N, C-alpha and C. Protein backbone atom coordinates (compact mmCIF):
# COMPACT_ATOMS: atom_id res chain seq x y z
N UNK A 1 -57.16 31.37 82.72
CA UNK A 1 -57.66 30.01 82.56
C UNK A 1 -56.62 29.21 81.79
N UNK A 2 -56.43 27.98 82.17
CA UNK A 2 -55.52 27.07 81.47
C UNK A 2 -56.34 25.96 80.81
N UNK A 3 -55.89 25.54 79.64
CA UNK A 3 -56.57 24.47 78.90
C UNK A 3 -55.56 23.40 78.51
N UNK A 4 -55.99 22.15 78.61
CA UNK A 4 -55.20 21.02 78.12
C UNK A 4 -56.15 20.13 77.34
N UNK A 5 -55.74 19.70 76.15
CA UNK A 5 -56.56 18.78 75.36
C UNK A 5 -55.74 17.55 75.04
N UNK A 6 -56.42 16.44 74.83
CA UNK A 6 -55.75 15.19 74.48
C UNK A 6 -56.75 14.21 73.92
N UNK A 7 -56.28 13.01 73.63
CA UNK A 7 -57.17 12.00 73.06
C UNK A 7 -57.12 10.72 73.88
N UNK A 8 -58.21 9.99 73.83
CA UNK A 8 -58.32 8.70 74.50
C UNK A 8 -57.85 7.62 73.52
N UNK A 9 -57.04 6.70 74.00
CA UNK A 9 -56.51 5.64 73.15
C UNK A 9 -57.65 4.83 72.52
N UNK A 10 -57.48 4.40 71.26
CA UNK A 10 -58.47 3.52 70.64
C UNK A 10 -58.34 2.11 71.21
N UNK A 11 -59.33 1.28 70.94
CA UNK A 11 -59.34 -0.09 71.45
C UNK A 11 -60.04 -0.17 72.79
N UNK A 12 -60.30 -1.39 73.22
CA UNK A 12 -61.07 -1.62 74.44
C UNK A 12 -60.20 -2.07 75.59
N UNK A 13 -60.66 -1.80 76.81
CA UNK A 13 -59.94 -2.19 78.02
C UNK A 13 -59.97 -3.68 78.28
N UNK A 14 -61.01 -4.35 77.84
CA UNK A 14 -61.23 -5.76 78.14
C UNK A 14 -59.94 -6.58 77.94
N UNK A 15 -59.20 -6.79 79.03
CA UNK A 15 -57.98 -7.57 78.97
C UNK A 15 -56.78 -6.82 78.40
N UNK A 16 -56.94 -5.52 78.11
CA UNK A 16 -55.86 -4.73 77.51
C UNK A 16 -55.70 -3.40 78.26
N UNK A 17 -55.09 -3.42 79.44
CA UNK A 17 -54.92 -2.16 80.18
C UNK A 17 -54.03 -1.16 79.44
N UNK A 18 -53.26 -1.64 78.46
CA UNK A 18 -52.43 -0.72 77.67
C UNK A 18 -53.27 0.18 76.77
N UNK A 19 -54.57 -0.08 76.64
CA UNK A 19 -55.46 0.77 75.87
C UNK A 19 -56.04 1.91 76.72
N UNK A 20 -55.66 1.97 77.98
CA UNK A 20 -56.15 3.04 78.87
C UNK A 20 -55.33 4.31 78.65
N UNK A 21 -55.94 5.43 78.99
CA UNK A 21 -55.28 6.73 78.97
C UNK A 21 -55.28 7.28 80.39
N UNK A 22 -54.12 7.68 80.88
CA UNK A 22 -54.03 8.27 82.21
C UNK A 22 -53.92 9.78 82.06
N UNK A 23 -54.79 10.50 82.76
CA UNK A 23 -54.82 11.96 82.69
C UNK A 23 -54.50 12.52 84.07
N UNK A 24 -53.30 13.10 84.27
CA UNK A 24 -53.01 13.77 85.54
C UNK A 24 -53.81 15.06 85.63
N UNK A 25 -54.29 15.39 86.81
CA UNK A 25 -55.07 16.60 87.02
C UNK A 25 -54.28 17.61 87.84
N UNK A 26 -54.45 18.90 87.57
CA UNK A 26 -53.88 19.90 88.46
C UNK A 26 -54.62 19.87 89.79
N UNK A 27 -53.99 20.28 90.88
CA UNK A 27 -54.66 20.24 92.18
C UNK A 27 -55.76 21.29 92.28
N UNK A 28 -56.99 20.81 92.34
CA UNK A 28 -58.13 21.73 92.42
C UNK A 28 -58.07 22.53 93.72
N UNK A 29 -58.28 23.83 93.60
CA UNK A 29 -58.29 24.74 94.75
C UNK A 29 -56.99 24.66 95.56
N UNK A 30 -55.85 24.55 94.86
CA UNK A 30 -54.58 24.47 95.56
C UNK A 30 -53.40 24.50 94.62
N UNK A 31 -52.28 24.03 95.10
CA UNK A 31 -51.06 23.98 94.30
C UNK A 31 -50.30 25.29 94.34
N UNK A 32 -49.02 25.23 93.95
CA UNK A 32 -48.14 26.40 93.98
C UNK A 32 -48.62 27.51 93.04
N UNK A 33 -49.26 27.13 91.93
CA UNK A 33 -49.71 28.11 90.95
C UNK A 33 -50.96 28.85 91.44
N UNK A 34 -51.73 28.21 92.30
CA UNK A 34 -52.98 28.81 92.77
C UNK A 34 -54.16 28.44 91.91
N UNK A 35 -54.27 27.15 91.58
CA UNK A 35 -55.39 26.70 90.76
C UNK A 35 -56.69 26.85 91.52
N UNK A 36 -57.76 27.07 90.77
CA UNK A 36 -59.11 27.09 91.32
C UNK A 36 -59.85 25.83 90.90
N UNK A 37 -61.09 26.02 90.46
CA UNK A 37 -61.93 24.91 90.03
C UNK A 37 -61.33 24.23 88.80
N UNK A 38 -61.39 22.89 88.75
CA UNK A 38 -60.92 22.10 87.62
C UNK A 38 -62.13 21.44 86.96
N UNK A 39 -62.17 21.49 85.63
CA UNK A 39 -63.26 20.88 84.86
C UNK A 39 -62.67 19.88 83.88
N UNK A 40 -63.28 18.71 83.78
CA UNK A 40 -62.85 17.66 82.85
C UNK A 40 -64.05 17.25 82.02
N UNK A 41 -63.88 17.24 80.69
CA UNK A 41 -64.98 16.83 79.82
C UNK A 41 -64.46 16.00 78.65
N UNK A 42 -65.38 15.25 78.04
CA UNK A 42 -65.07 14.36 76.92
C UNK A 42 -66.04 14.61 75.77
N UNK A 43 -65.57 14.40 74.56
CA UNK A 43 -66.40 14.52 73.38
C UNK A 43 -65.94 13.53 72.32
N UNK A 44 -66.81 13.24 71.35
CA UNK A 44 -66.44 12.30 70.29
C UNK A 44 -67.13 12.66 68.98
N UNK A 45 -66.67 12.00 67.92
CA UNK A 45 -67.25 12.19 66.59
C UNK A 45 -67.17 10.85 65.85
N UNK A 46 -67.94 10.70 64.81
CA UNK A 46 -67.96 9.51 63.95
C UNK A 46 -68.47 8.26 64.66
N UNK A 47 -69.12 8.40 65.79
CA UNK A 47 -69.67 7.26 66.51
C UNK A 47 -69.78 7.58 67.99
N UNK A 48 -70.49 6.74 68.71
CA UNK A 48 -70.65 6.91 70.14
C UNK A 48 -69.59 6.10 70.88
N UNK A 49 -69.29 6.51 72.10
CA UNK A 49 -68.28 5.81 72.90
C UNK A 49 -68.78 5.63 74.33
N UNK A 50 -68.44 4.50 74.88
CA UNK A 50 -68.71 4.20 76.29
C UNK A 50 -67.35 4.19 76.98
N UNK A 51 -67.18 4.98 78.04
CA UNK A 51 -65.90 5.09 78.71
C UNK A 51 -65.99 4.63 80.15
N UNK A 52 -64.97 3.91 80.60
CA UNK A 52 -64.81 3.59 82.02
C UNK A 52 -63.93 4.70 82.58
N UNK A 53 -64.44 5.40 83.57
CA UNK A 53 -63.74 6.52 84.19
C UNK A 53 -63.39 6.13 85.63
N UNK A 54 -62.11 6.17 85.97
CA UNK A 54 -61.68 5.90 87.34
C UNK A 54 -60.88 7.11 87.82
N UNK A 55 -61.37 7.76 88.88
CA UNK A 55 -60.74 8.97 89.41
C UNK A 55 -60.09 8.63 90.75
N UNK A 56 -58.77 8.92 90.85
CA UNK A 56 -58.05 8.68 92.10
C UNK A 56 -58.09 9.95 92.96
N UNK A 57 -58.45 9.77 94.24
CA UNK A 57 -58.47 10.89 95.18
C UNK A 57 -57.40 10.66 96.23
N UNK A 58 -56.45 11.60 96.34
CA UNK A 58 -55.34 11.48 97.29
C UNK A 58 -55.82 11.52 98.74
N UNK A 59 -56.86 12.30 99.02
CA UNK A 59 -57.35 12.45 100.39
C UNK A 59 -57.95 11.15 100.91
N UNK A 60 -58.84 10.56 100.12
CA UNK A 60 -59.50 9.31 100.55
C UNK A 60 -58.68 8.07 100.20
N UNK A 61 -57.63 8.26 99.38
CA UNK A 61 -56.79 7.17 98.91
C UNK A 61 -57.63 6.04 98.30
N UNK A 62 -58.53 6.46 97.39
CA UNK A 62 -59.42 5.49 96.76
C UNK A 62 -59.80 5.95 95.35
N UNK A 63 -60.31 4.99 94.58
CA UNK A 63 -60.79 5.24 93.21
C UNK A 63 -62.30 5.37 93.22
N UNK A 64 -62.83 6.31 92.43
CA UNK A 64 -64.25 6.39 92.10
C UNK A 64 -64.38 5.93 90.67
N UNK A 65 -65.11 4.85 90.45
CA UNK A 65 -65.23 4.28 89.11
C UNK A 65 -66.66 4.44 88.62
N UNK A 66 -66.79 4.89 87.37
CA UNK A 66 -68.11 5.06 86.77
C UNK A 66 -68.01 4.81 85.27
N UNK A 67 -69.15 4.76 84.62
CA UNK A 67 -69.23 4.61 83.17
C UNK A 67 -69.84 5.88 82.61
N UNK A 68 -69.28 6.35 81.50
CA UNK A 68 -69.72 7.59 80.88
C UNK A 68 -70.04 7.32 79.42
N UNK A 69 -71.21 7.75 78.97
CA UNK A 69 -71.58 7.62 77.56
C UNK A 69 -71.36 8.96 76.88
N UNK A 70 -70.59 8.93 75.79
CA UNK A 70 -70.29 10.13 75.00
C UNK A 70 -70.83 9.87 73.60
N UNK A 71 -71.67 10.78 73.10
CA UNK A 71 -72.28 10.57 71.79
C UNK A 71 -71.85 11.64 70.80
N UNK A 72 -71.76 11.22 69.55
CA UNK A 72 -71.37 12.14 68.48
C UNK A 72 -72.44 13.21 68.24
N UNK A 73 -73.69 12.89 68.54
CA UNK A 73 -74.80 13.80 68.27
C UNK A 73 -75.09 14.75 69.43
N UNK A 74 -74.18 14.84 70.40
CA UNK A 74 -74.39 15.72 71.55
C UNK A 74 -73.10 16.46 71.88
N UNK A 75 -73.17 17.36 72.82
CA UNK A 75 -72.01 18.14 73.24
C UNK A 75 -71.08 17.36 74.16
N UNK A 76 -70.15 18.09 74.73
CA UNK A 76 -69.21 17.47 75.67
C UNK A 76 -69.94 16.95 76.90
N UNK A 77 -69.34 15.93 77.53
CA UNK A 77 -69.89 15.35 78.75
C UNK A 77 -68.87 15.55 79.86
N UNK A 78 -69.28 16.16 80.95
CA UNK A 78 -68.38 16.47 82.05
C UNK A 78 -68.28 15.38 83.09
N UNK A 79 -67.13 15.35 83.76
CA UNK A 79 -66.90 14.47 84.90
C UNK A 79 -66.59 15.38 86.08
N UNK A 80 -67.34 15.26 87.18
CA UNK A 80 -67.08 16.12 88.33
C UNK A 80 -65.69 15.87 88.92
N UNK A 81 -64.96 16.93 89.20
CA UNK A 81 -63.66 16.85 89.85
C UNK A 81 -63.82 17.37 91.27
N UNK A 82 -63.31 16.60 92.24
CA UNK A 82 -63.42 16.97 93.64
C UNK A 82 -62.05 17.38 94.17
N UNK A 83 -62.02 18.15 95.25
CA UNK A 83 -60.76 18.46 95.91
C UNK A 83 -60.06 17.16 96.27
N UNK A 84 -58.78 17.08 96.00
CA UNK A 84 -58.00 15.87 96.28
C UNK A 84 -57.86 14.93 95.11
N UNK A 85 -58.67 15.11 94.04
CA UNK A 85 -58.52 14.27 92.84
C UNK A 85 -57.21 14.61 92.16
N UNK A 86 -56.42 13.59 91.79
CA UNK A 86 -55.11 13.86 91.20
C UNK A 86 -54.88 13.19 89.85
N UNK A 87 -55.66 12.17 89.52
CA UNK A 87 -55.49 11.51 88.23
C UNK A 87 -56.76 10.79 87.84
N UNK A 88 -56.91 10.60 86.53
CA UNK A 88 -58.07 9.92 85.98
C UNK A 88 -57.59 8.88 84.98
N UNK A 89 -58.06 7.66 85.13
CA UNK A 89 -57.76 6.59 84.18
C UNK A 89 -59.01 6.39 83.32
N UNK A 90 -58.82 6.46 82.00
CA UNK A 90 -59.96 6.38 81.08
C UNK A 90 -59.70 5.26 80.07
N UNK A 91 -60.70 4.42 79.87
CA UNK A 91 -60.61 3.38 78.85
C UNK A 91 -61.96 3.13 78.24
N UNK A 92 -61.93 2.63 77.03
CA UNK A 92 -63.18 2.35 76.32
C UNK A 92 -63.72 0.97 76.68
N UNK A 93 -65.04 0.90 76.74
CA UNK A 93 -65.76 -0.37 76.83
C UNK A 93 -66.78 -0.34 75.69
N UNK A 94 -67.23 -1.50 75.27
CA UNK A 94 -68.13 -1.56 74.11
C UNK A 94 -69.44 -0.81 74.37
N UNK A 95 -69.78 0.12 73.47
CA UNK A 95 -71.03 0.87 73.57
C UNK A 95 -72.17 0.09 72.92
N UNK A 96 -71.85 -0.77 71.95
CA UNK A 96 -72.86 -1.56 71.24
C UNK A 96 -72.15 -2.73 70.56
N UNK A 97 -72.94 -3.62 69.98
CA UNK A 97 -72.37 -4.78 69.28
C UNK A 97 -71.53 -4.36 68.07
N UNK A 98 -71.83 -3.20 67.51
CA UNK A 98 -71.10 -2.74 66.31
C UNK A 98 -69.95 -1.78 66.64
N UNK A 99 -69.74 -1.49 67.92
CA UNK A 99 -68.69 -0.56 68.34
C UNK A 99 -67.32 -1.18 68.05
N UNK A 100 -66.49 -0.48 67.28
CA UNK A 100 -65.15 -0.97 66.95
C UNK A 100 -64.07 -0.36 67.86
N UNK A 101 -64.45 0.63 68.65
CA UNK A 101 -63.50 1.27 69.55
C UNK A 101 -62.53 2.20 68.84
N UNK A 102 -62.88 2.64 67.64
CA UNK A 102 -61.96 3.45 66.85
C UNK A 102 -62.39 4.89 66.64
N UNK A 103 -63.64 5.24 66.97
CA UNK A 103 -64.06 6.63 66.75
C UNK A 103 -63.23 7.55 67.66
N UNK A 104 -62.88 8.73 67.16
CA UNK A 104 -62.05 9.62 67.97
C UNK A 104 -62.80 10.16 69.20
N UNK A 105 -62.13 10.07 70.34
CA UNK A 105 -62.63 10.62 71.60
C UNK A 105 -61.54 11.52 72.16
N UNK A 106 -61.92 12.73 72.52
CA UNK A 106 -60.96 13.67 73.09
C UNK A 106 -61.38 14.12 74.46
N UNK A 107 -60.40 14.66 75.19
CA UNK A 107 -60.72 15.23 76.50
C UNK A 107 -60.22 16.66 76.58
N UNK A 108 -60.83 17.41 77.49
CA UNK A 108 -60.48 18.79 77.74
C UNK A 108 -60.43 19.01 79.24
N UNK A 109 -59.30 19.58 79.70
CA UNK A 109 -59.19 20.00 81.10
C UNK A 109 -59.18 21.53 81.09
N UNK A 110 -60.09 22.10 81.84
CA UNK A 110 -60.13 23.56 82.01
C UNK A 110 -59.87 23.86 83.49
N UNK A 111 -59.02 24.84 83.72
CA UNK A 111 -58.69 25.21 85.10
C UNK A 111 -58.73 26.72 85.24
N UNK A 112 -59.34 27.17 86.28
CA UNK A 112 -59.41 28.59 86.58
C UNK A 112 -58.28 28.93 87.55
N UNK A 113 -57.60 30.03 87.30
CA UNK A 113 -56.60 30.53 88.24
C UNK A 113 -57.29 31.38 89.30
N UNK A 114 -56.94 31.17 90.54
CA UNK A 114 -57.50 31.99 91.62
C UNK A 114 -56.90 33.38 91.55
N UNK A 115 -57.70 34.36 91.84
CA UNK A 115 -57.23 35.76 91.79
C UNK A 115 -56.43 36.12 93.01
């Protein structure tokens, strides 16, 4: 199994695309290494976060865009990865009127190697 961890940039996307984080994904069920299933999840602490998740799929040549709520009082929140997904763009949007966009948010990519 392979693991990659990272953090989501602080600040909000509203008019600031430089606050986005781009996460390249290994090729699910493919690639020269022989990757299997890919899992992507997010977690946070010191506050709740609302994330805009946009997943690019090479096969359909399109983005799937959704909103994900990540809370400090709960576990990690997963995003389904499909065959052909190659990158994910993640940015914060306001979770509440008091959201400052500064609480730490991290991501985890888990990948299984095919036998």
